[in-house]
Amino acid sequence: QIVIPVAERLGSLVVEAVIDESGRVQDYRIISAPAHYQNDKISTRLENMLIFTVFAPACAFGRPTKGRAILTFSSVNVRG
C-alpha cells in the first residue's frame, strides 16, 4: 500500500493498478472513492500520475512478470 498526496479534503481513493513486466501501469480501476469524489478532475490527475510512475515489477522464477498493485491516495492538494 502506497500513500501519495493527490486532493484536498477528498478522503482516501483506493486504486488497483495492473503493472506490466517493465514496471509500467497498463490499466487501473478505482476500488473505493469518497462519496463526494469528482470523477473528471481527479481521474485526469490520477491518470497523469500513473502514466509516469514506474514500479519494480513482480517476478516469477526470477523473471519480471505482470502483477497488480493496490494504491491508496489521500490528502490531495489541488491548486487552480
PDB file of N, CA and C in Angstrom:
ATOM      1  N   GLN A   1       0.849  -1.171   0.000  1.00  0.00           N
ATOM      2  CA  GLN A   1       0.000   0.000   0.000  1.00  0.00           C
ATOM      3  C   GLN A   1       0.893   1.233   0.000  1.00  0.00           C
ATOM      4  N   ILE A   2       0.658   2.111  -0.957  1.00  0.00           N
ATOM      5  CA  ILE A   2       1.449   3.316  -1.108  1.00  0.00           C
ATOM      6  C   ILE A   2       0.544   4.508  -0.871  1.00  0.00           C
ATOM      7  N   VAL A   3       0.968   5.439  -0.035  1.00  0.00           N
ATOM      8  CA  VAL A   3       0.180   6.642   0.198  1.00  0.00           C
ATOM      9  C   VAL A   3       0.866   7.805  -0.495  1.00  0.00           C
ATOM     10  N   ILE A   4       0.149   8.409  -1.446  1.00  0.00           N
ATOM     11  CA  ILE A   4       0.692   9.518  -2.226  1.00  0.00           C
ATOM     12  C   ILE A   4      -0.263  10.690  -2.111  1.00  0.00           C
ATOM     13  N   PRO A   5       0.255  11.896  -1.786  1.00  0.00           N
ATOM     14  CA  PRO A   5      -0.654  13.041  -1.726  1.00  0.00           C
ATOM     15  C   PRO A   5      -1.254  13.342  -3.101  1.00  0.00           C
ATOM     16  N   VAL A   6      -2.597  13.407  -3.257  1.00  0.00           N
ATOM     17  CA  VAL A   6      -3.245  13.796  -4.536  1.00  0.00           C
ATOM     18  C   VAL A   6      -4.473  14.720  -4.450  1.00  0.00           C
ATOM     19  N   ALA A   7      -5.459  15.077  -3.337  1.00  0.00           N
ATOM     20  CA  ALA A   7      -6.631  16.037  -3.390  1.00  0.00           C
ATOM     21  C   ALA A   7      -7.049  16.514  -2.032  1.00  0.00           C
ATOM     22  N   GLU A   8      -7.440  17.693  -1.963  1.00  0.00           N
ATOM     23  CA  GLU A   8      -7.753  18.334  -0.697  1.00  0.00           C
ATOM     24  C   GLU A   8      -9.121  17.917  -0.185  1.00  0.00           C
ATOM     25  N   ARG A   9      -9.148  17.393   1.024  1.00  0.00           N
ATOM     26  CA  ARG A   9     -10.369  17.006   1.723  1.00  0.00           C
ATOM     27  C   ARG A   9     -11.237  16.013   0.963  1.00  0.00           C
ATOM     28  N   LEU A  10     -10.651  15.167   0.161  1.00  0.00           N
ATOM     29  CA  LEU A  10     -11.434  14.166  -0.553  1.00  0.00           C
ATOM     30  C   LEU A  10     -11.519  12.856   0.194  1.00  0.00           C
ATOM     31  N   GLY A  11     -10.637  12.634   1.147  1.00  0.00           N
ATOM     32  CA  GLY A  11     -10.583  11.338   1.797  1.00  0.00           C
ATOM     33  C   GLY A  11      -9.671  10.427   1.007  1.00  0.00           C
ATOM     34  N   SER A  12      -9.787   9.125   1.235  1.00  0.00           N
ATOM     35  CA  SER A  12      -8.911   8.174   0.563  1.00  0.00           C
ATOM     36  C   SER A  12      -9.514   7.670  -0.739  1.00  0.00           C
ATOM     37  N   LEU A  13      -8.648   7.516  -1.708  1.00  0.00           N
ATOM     38  CA  LEU A  13      -9.004   6.963  -3.008  1.00  0.00           C
ATOM     39  C   LEU A  13      -8.165   5.703  -3.163  1.00  0.00           C
ATOM     40  N   VAL A  14      -8.806   4.543  -3.344  1.00  0.00           N
ATOM     41  CA  VAL A  14      -8.087   3.279  -3.454  1.00  0.00           C
ATOM     42  C   VAL A  14      -8.183   2.793  -4.896  1.00  0.00           C
ATOM     43  N   VAL A  15      -7.028   2.486  -5.470  1.00  0.00           N
ATOM     44  CA  VAL A  15      -6.931   2.119  -6.881  1.00  0.00           C
ATOM     45  C   VAL A  15      -6.172   0.805  -7.012  1.00  0.00           C
ATOM     46  N   GLU A  16      -6.648  -0.068  -7.905  1.00  0.00           N
ATOM     47  CA  GLU A  16      -5.914  -1.277  -8.251  1.00  0.00           C
ATOM     48  C   GLU A  16      -5.266  -1.029  -9.613  1.00  0.00           C
ATOM     49  N   ALA A  17      -3.958  -1.163  -9.696  1.00  0.00           N
ATOM     50  CA  ALA A  17      -3.237  -0.919 -10.945  1.00  0.00           C
ATOM     51  C   ALA A  17      -2.641  -2.223 -11.465  1.00  0.00           C
ATOM     52  N   VAL A  18      -2.717  -2.417 -12.772  1.00  0.00           N
ATOM     53  CA  VAL A  18      -2.091  -3.567 -13.428  1.00  0.00           C
ATOM     54  C   VAL A  18      -0.720  -3.108 -13.911  1.00  0.00           C
ATOM     55  N   ILE A  19       0.321  -3.789 -13.453  1.00  0.00           N
ATOM     56  CA  ILE A  19       1.706  -3.423 -13.754  1.00  0.00           C
ATOM     57  C   ILE A  19       2.285  -4.442 -14.737  1.00  0.00           C
ATOM     58  N   ASP A  20       2.903  -3.958 -15.815  1.00  0.00           N
ATOM     59  CA  ASP A  20       3.475  -4.883 -16.803  1.00  0.00           C
ATOM     60  C   ASP A  20       4.879  -5.324 -16.393  1.00  0.00           C
ATOM     61  N   GLU A  21       5.512  -6.103 -17.269  1.00  0.00           N
ATOM     62  CA  GLU A  21       6.837  -6.669 -16.983  1.00  0.00           C
ATOM     63  C   GLU A  21       7.924  -5.620 -16.815  1.00  0.00           C
ATOM     64  N   SER A  22       7.709  -4.416 -17.384  1.00  0.00           N
ATOM     65  CA  SER A  22       8.717  -3.363 -17.264  1.00  0.00           C
ATOM     66  C   SER A  22       8.429  -2.410 -16.108  1.00  0.00           C
ATOM     67  N   GLY A  23       7.361  -2.667 -15.350  1.00  0.00           N
ATOM     68  CA  GLY A  23       7.040  -1.840 -14.190  1.00  0.00           C
ATOM     69  C   GLY A  23       6.115  -0.676 -14.486  1.00  0.00           C
ATOM     70  N   ARG A  24       5.592  -0.590 -15.701  1.00  0.00           N
ATOM     71  CA  ARG A  24       4.681   0.495 -16.093  1.00  0.00           C
ATOM     72  C   ARG A  24       3.233   0.102 -15.840  1.00  0.00           C
ATOM     73  N   VAL A  25       2.421   1.091 -15.507  1.00  0.00           N
ATOM     74  CA  VAL A  25       0.989   0.861 -15.289  1.00  0.00           C
ATOM     75  C   VAL A  25       0.313   0.698 -16.646  1.00  0.00           C
ATOM     76  N   GLN A  26      -0.364  -0.437 -16.849  1.00  0.00           N
ATOM     77  CA  GLN A  26      -1.065  -0.712 -18.099  1.00  0.00           C
ATOM     78  C   GLN A  26      -2.551  -0.374 -18.005  1.00  0.00           C
ATOM     79  N   ASP A  27      -3.132  -0.543 -16.829  1.00  0.00           N
ATOM     80  CA  ASP A  27      -4.548  -0.284 -16.628  1.00  0.00           C
ATOM     81  C   ASP A  27      -4.774  -0.071 -15.143  1.00  0.00           C
ATOM     82  N   TYR A  28      -5.904   0.504 -14.797  1.00  0.00           N
ATOM     83  CA  TYR A  28      -6.244   0.675 -13.389  1.00  0.00           C
ATOM     84  C   TYR A  28      -7.752   0.708 -13.237  1.00  0.00           C
ATOM     85  N   ARG A  29      -8.208   0.470 -12.019  1.00  0.00           N
ATOM     86  CA  ARG A  29      -9.622   0.639 -11.690  1.00  0.00           C
ATOM     87  C   ARG A  29      -9.720   1.199 -10.286  1.00  0.00           C
ATOM     88  N   ILE A  30     -10.707   2.026 -10.093  1.00  0.00           N
ATOM     89  CA  ILE A  30     -10.927   2.623  -8.776  1.00  0.00           C
ATOM     90  C   ILE A  30     -11.740   1.643  -7.947  1.00  0.00           C
ATOM     91  N   ILE A  31     -11.173   1.236  -6.824  1.00  0.00           N
ATOM     92  CA  ILE A  31     -11.833   0.282  -5.932  1.00  0.00           C
ATOM     93  C   ILE A  31     -12.750   1.007  -4.964  1.00  0.00           C
ATOM     94  N   SER A  32     -12.269   2.121  -4.440  1.00  0.00           N
ATOM     95  CA  SER A  32     -13.028   2.861  -3.438  1.00  0.00           C
ATOM     96  C   SER A  32     -12.737   4.344  -3.575  1.00  0.00           C
ATOM     97  N   ALA A  33     -13.797   5.146  -3.471  1.00  0.00           N
ATOM     98  CA  ALA A  33     -13.652   6.601  -3.552  1.00  0.00           C
ATOM     99  C   ALA A  33     -14.660   7.235  -2.608  1.00  0.00           C
ATOM    100  N   PRO A  34     -14.352   8.414  -2.082  1.00  0.00           N
ATOM    101  CA  PRO A  34     -15.291   9.119  -1.214  1.00  0.00           C
ATOM    102  C   PRO A  34     -16.582   9.459  -1.962  1.00  0.00           C
ATOM    103  N   ALA A  35     -17.657   9.650  -1.222  1.00  0.00           N
ATOM    104  CA  ALA A  35     -18.962   9.954  -1.812  1.00  0.00           C
ATOM    105  C   ALA A  35     -18.915  11.219  -2.664  1.00  0.00           C
ATOM    106  N   HIS A  36     -18.116  12.215  -2.266  1.00  0.00           N
ATOM    107  CA  HIS A  36     -18.047  13.483  -2.986  1.00  0.00           C
ATOM    108  C   HIS A  36     -16.903  13.521  -4.015  1.00  0.00           C
ATOM    109  N   TYR A  37     -16.495  12.352  -4.478  1.00  0.00           N
ATOM    110  CA  TYR A  37     -15.424  12.206  -5.463  1.00  0.00           C
ATOM    111  C   TYR A  37     -15.811  12.891  -6.766  1.00  0.00           C
ATOM    112  N   GLN A  38     -14.928  13.779  -7.281  1.00  0.00           N
ATOM    113  CA  GLN A  38     -15.165  14.483  -8.542  1.00  0.00           C
ATOM    114  C   GLN A  38     -14.435  13.730  -9.641  1.00  0.00           C
ATOM    115  N   ASN A  39     -15.141  12.898 -10.344  1.00  0.00           N
ATOM    116  CA  ASN A  39     -14.565  11.955 -11.291  1.00  0.00           C
ATOM    117  C   ASN A  39     -13.629  12.583 -12.312  1.00  0.00           C
ATOM    118  N   ASP A  40     -14.054  13.607 -13.043  1.00  0.00           N
ATOM    119  CA  ASP A  40     -13.241  14.167 -14.128  1.00  0.00           C
ATOM    120  C   ASP A  40     -11.943  14.791 -13.651  1.00  0.00           C
ATOM    121  N   LYS A  41     -12.033  15.641 -12.638  1.00  0.00           N
ATOM    122  CA  LYS A  41     -10.869  16.392 -12.151  1.00  0.00           C
ATOM    123  C   LYS A  41      -9.790  15.464 -11.597  1.00  0.00           C
ATOM    124  N   ILE A  42     -10.186  14.539 -10.735  1.00  0.00           N
ATOM    125  CA  ILE A  42      -9.217  13.654 -10.091  1.00  0.00           C
ATOM    126  C   ILE A  42      -8.756  12.565 -11.050  1.00  0.00           C
ATOM    127  N   SER A  43      -9.649  12.031 -11.879  1.00  0.00           N
ATOM    128  CA  SER A  43      -9.249  10.977 -12.817  1.00  0.00           C
ATOM    129  C   SER A  43      -8.150  11.451 -13.750  1.00  0.00           C
ATOM    130  N   THR A  44      -8.238  12.676 -14.228  1.00  0.00           N
ATOM    131  CA  THR A  44      -7.200  13.218 -15.111  1.00  0.00           C
ATOM    132  C   THR A  44      -5.871  13.301 -14.381  1.00  0.00           C
ATOM    133  N   ARG A  45      -5.864  13.809 -13.159  1.00  0.00           N
ATOM    134  CA  ARG A  45      -4.619  13.896 -12.374  1.00  0.00           C
ATOM    135  C   ARG A  45      -4.081  12.505 -12.050  1.00  0.00           C
ATOM    136  N   LEU A  46      -4.982  11.592 -11.704  1.00  0.00           N
ATOM    137  CA  LEU A  46      -4.586  10.226 -11.382  1.00  0.00           C
ATOM    138  C   LEU A  46      -3.955   9.554 -12.602  1.00  0.00           C
ATOM    139  N   GLU A  47      -4.592   9.659 -13.757  1.00  0.00           N
ATOM    140  CA  GLU A  47      -4.049   9.064 -14.975  1.00  0.00           C
ATOM    141  C   GLU A  47      -2.685   9.639 -15.321  1.00  0.00           C
ATOM    142  N   ASN A  48      -2.531  10.947 -15.212  1.00  0.00           N
ATOM    143  CA  ASN A  48      -1.232  11.574 -15.489  1.00  0.00           C
ATOM    144  C   ASN A  48      -0.159  11.070 -14.544  1.00  0.00           C
ATOM    145  N   MET A  49      -0.508  10.913 -13.274  1.00  0.00           N
ATOM    146  CA  MET A  49       0.458  10.425 -12.292  1.00  0.00           C
ATOM    147  C   MET A  49       0.843   8.977 -12.599  1.00  0.00           C
ATOM    148  N   LEU A  50      -0.138   8.152 -12.925  1.00  0.00           N
ATOM    149  CA  LEU A  50       0.138   6.739 -13.171  1.00  0.00           C
ATOM    150  C   LEU A  50       0.933   6.515 -14.451  1.00  0.00           C
ATOM    151  N   ILE A  51       0.753   7.364 -15.444  1.00  0.00           N
ATOM    152  CA  ILE A  51       1.493   7.240 -16.703  1.00  0.00           C
ATOM    153  C   ILE A  51       3.004   7.332 -16.458  1.00  0.00           C
ATOM    154  N   PHE A  52       3.418   8.202 -15.532  1.00  0.00           N
ATOM    155  CA  PHE A  52       4.839   8.446 -15.299  1.00  0.00           C
ATOM    156  C   PHE A  52       5.413   7.659 -14.124  1.00  0.00           C
ATOM    157  N   THR A  53       4.593   6.834 -13.485  1.00  0.00           N
ATOM    158  CA  THR A  53       5.068   6.040 -12.350  1.00  0.00           C
ATOM    159  C   THR A  53       5.648   4.724 -12.848  1.00  0.00           C
ATOM    160  N   VAL A  54       6.809   4.351 -12.319  1.00  0.00           N
ATOM    161  CA  VAL A  54       7.433   3.075 -12.664  1.00  0.00           C
ATOM    162  C   VAL A  54       7.632   2.295 -11.366  1.00  0.00           C
ATOM    163  N   PHE A  55       7.128   1.075 -11.343  1.00  0.00           N
ATOM    164  CA  PHE A  55       7.236   0.198 -10.179  1.00  0.00           C
ATOM    165  C   PHE A  55       8.280  -0.875 -10.434  1.00  0.00           C
ATOM    166  N   ALA A  56       8.755  -1.487  -9.366  1.00  0.00           N
ATOM    167  CA  ALA A  56       9.571  -2.687  -9.514  1.00  0.00           C
ATOM    168  C   ALA A  56       8.587  -3.793  -9.887  1.00  0.00           C
ATOM    169  N   PRO A  57       8.748  -4.437 -11.044  1.00  0.00           N
ATOM    170  CA  PRO A  57       7.769  -5.434 -11.463  1.00  0.00           C
ATOM    171  C   PRO A  57       7.805  -6.683 -10.590  1.00  0.00           C
ATOM    172  N   ALA A  58       6.684  -7.389 -10.594  1.00  0.00           N
ATOM    173  CA  ALA A  58       6.621  -8.667  -9.892  1.00  0.00           C
ATOM    174  C   ALA A  58       7.559  -9.643 -10.606  1.00  0.00           C
ATOM    175  N   CYS A  59       8.016 -10.662  -9.903  1.00  0.00           N
ATOM    176  CA  CYS A  59       8.889 -11.656 -10.514  1.00  0.00           C
ATOM    177  C   CYS A  59       8.352 -13.061 -10.287  1.00  0.00           C
ATOM    178  N   ALA A  60       8.498 -13.892 -11.297  1.00  0.00           N
ATOM    179  CA  ALA A  60       8.162 -15.314 -11.195  1.00  0.00           C
ATOM    180  C   ALA A  60       9.399 -16.080 -11.659  1.00  0.00           C
ATOM    181  N   PHE A  61       9.946 -16.892 -10.778  1.00  0.00           N
ATOM    182  CA  PHE A  61      11.161 -17.648 -11.072  1.00  0.00           C
ATOM    183  C   PHE A  61      12.301 -16.728 -11.500  1.00  0.00           C
ATOM    184  N   GLY A  62      12.360 -15.545 -10.879  1.00  0.00           N
ATOM    185  CA  GLY A  62      13.438 -14.607 -11.134  1.00  0.00           C
ATOM    186  C   GLY A  62      13.274 -13.750 -12.384  1.00  0.00           C
ATOM    187  N   ARG A  63      12.169 -13.900 -13.096  1.00  0.00           N
ATOM    188  CA  ARG A  63      11.936 -13.120 -14.318  1.00  0.00           C
ATOM    189  C   ARG A  63      10.779 -12.156 -14.091  1.00  0.00           C
ATOM    190  N   PRO A  64      10.895 -10.916 -14.568  1.00  0.00           N
ATOM    191  CA  PRO A  64       9.798  -9.949 -14.420  1.00  0.00           C
ATOM    192  C   PRO A  64       8.519 -10.452 -15.081  1.00  0.00           C
ATOM    193  N   THR A  65       7.400 -10.198 -14.441  1.00  0.00           N
ATOM    194  CA  THR A  65       6.103 -10.619 -14.955  1.00  0.00           C
ATOM    195  C   THR A  65       5.041  -9.589 -14.606  1.00  0.00           C
ATOM    196  N   LYS A  66       3.862  -9.723 -15.185  1.00  0.00           N
ATOM    197  CA  LYS A  66       2.757  -8.822 -14.860  1.00  0.00           C
ATOM    198  C   LYS A  66       2.353  -9.002 -13.410  1.00  0.00           C
ATOM    199  N   GLY A  67       1.820  -7.939 -12.828  1.00  0.00           N
ATOM    200  CA  GLY A  67       1.350  -8.008 -11.456  1.00  0.00           C
ATOM    201  C   GLY A  67       0.313  -6.932 -11.199  1.00  0.00           C
ATOM    202  N   ARG A  68      -0.164  -6.860  -9.972  1.00  0.00           N
ATOM    203  CA  ARG A  68      -1.148  -5.862  -9.569  1.00  0.00           C
ATOM    204  C   ARG A  68      -0.651  -5.161  -8.316  1.00  0.00           C
ATOM    205  N   ALA A  69      -0.994  -3.882  -8.206  1.00  0.00           N
ATOM    206  CA  ALA A  69      -0.636  -3.104  -7.017  1.00  0.00           C
ATOM    207  C   ALA A  69      -1.888  -2.384  -6.535  1.00  0.00           C
ATOM    208  N   ILE A  70      -2.083  -2.356  -5.229  1.00  0.00           N
ATOM    209  CA  ILE A  70      -3.172  -1.599  -4.624  1.00  0.00           C
ATOM    210  C   ILE A  70      -2.567  -0.297  -4.110  1.00  0.00           C
ATOM    211  N   LEU A  71      -3.083   0.827  -4.595  1.00  0.00           N
ATOM    212  CA  LEU A  71      -2.564   2.145  -4.239  1.00  0.00           C
ATOM    213  C   LEU A  71      -3.613   2.911  -3.465  1.00  0.00           C
ATOM    214  N   THR A  72      -3.209   3.602  -2.414  1.00  0.00           N
ATOM    215  CA  THR A  72      -4.111   4.453  -1.644  1.00  0.00           C
ATOM    216  C   THR A  72      -3.635   5.885  -1.754  1.00  0.00           C
ATOM    217  N   PHE A  73      -4.513   6.748  -2.251  1.00  0.00           N
ATOM    218  CA  PHE A  73      -4.221   8.168  -2.392  1.00  0.00           C
ATOM    219  C   PHE A  73      -5.022   8.921  -1.349  1.00  0.00           C
ATOM    220  N   SER A  74      -4.371   9.879  -0.690  1.00  0.00           N
ATOM    221  CA  SER A  74      -5.079  10.680   0.313  1.00  0.00           C
ATOM    222  C   SER A  74      -4.464  12.072   0.386  1.00  0.00           C
ATOM    223  N   SER A  75      -5.197  13.002   0.946  1.00  0.00           N
ATOM    224  CA  SER A  75      -4.729  14.382   1.158  1.00  0.00           C
ATOM    225  C   SER A  75      -4.250  15.036  -0.130  1.00  0.00           C
ATOM    226  N   VAL A  76      -5.088  15.052  -1.112  1.00  0.00           N
ATOM    227  CA  VAL A  76      -4.720  15.643  -2.391  1.00  0.00           C
ATOM    228  C   VAL A  76      -4.744  17.155  -2.280  1.00  0.00           C
ATOM    229  N   ASN A  77      -3.716  17.793  -2.801  1.00  0.00           N
ATOM    230  CA  ASN A  77      -3.614  19.246  -2.753  1.00  0.00           C
ATOM    231  C   ASN A  77      -3.795  19.779  -4.174  1.00  0.00           C
ATOM    232  N   VAL A  78      -4.989  20.312  -4.457  1.00  0.00           N
ATOM    233  CA  VAL A  78      -5.300  20.812  -5.794  1.00  0.00           C
ATOM    234  C   VAL A  78      -5.214  22.331  -5.784  1.00  0.00           C
ATOM    235  N   ARG A  79      -4.415  22.865  -6.704  1.00  0.00           N
ATOM    236  CA  ARG A  79      -4.313  24.325  -6.846  1.00  0.00           C
ATOM    237  C   ARG A  79      -4.852  24.696  -8.202  1.00  0.00           C
ATOM    238  N   GLY A  80      -5.551  25.797  -8.268  1.00  0.00           N
ATOM    239  CA  GLY A  80      -6.105  26.143  -9.558  1.00  0.00           C
ATOM    240  C   GLY A  80      -6.307  27.558  -9.684  1.00  0.00           C
TER     241      GLY A  80
END
